[in-house]
């Protein structure tokens, strides 16, 4: 069983054996740490420590922003110069929905490991926004790969790309509010008084 300690200055939690002289987050001396008990079994703690969702969620966000930039470049270049940008955008548009699916699956796994209870309001909002993001990215991929590049088609594709970015931002904000959710609220009781 791994032993954990928590920094009394910033609240950072880490494995006792991996923290050397100072807190890796704030630089406080090792003497400011106290023993920390997660209160969960080793399997759940192991699942949580993989951080699958926080890692995978960055891919669709990055791809959505890149997609929008490449679309702008491709649509506003001369028609002879944009073939390479269109090809890149076609590839990106196919990758984006799969990255969203991977991030959503990791999010569901993370929520099950972290919360163990029914899906709450914030999780439901994230699922709805993630589903909208997935649908928008699929429609955009179809339009791009079938080269619906009329003026109207370009406007629709750019609006879908913007909507994808909005979904990314909303998902990030909702996720940040869930970031502090641990299995039980022991943070306050384990941080020593700083007085």
Foldseek 3Di string as FASTA:
>chain_A
DFWWKAALPPGDIDTPVPDDAADPPPGHGPVRIDTDDQPDDPVLVVLLVVCQLVVLLVVLLVLLVVLLVLLVVLLPDPVVPNPVSLVVSLVSLVVNLVSLVSNLVSVVSNCCSFEVDDDDPLNVVLVVLSVLLNVLSNVLSVLSVVVVPDPVSSVSNSVSSVSNNVSSVVNVVSVVVCVPRGHDPCSVVRNDDPD
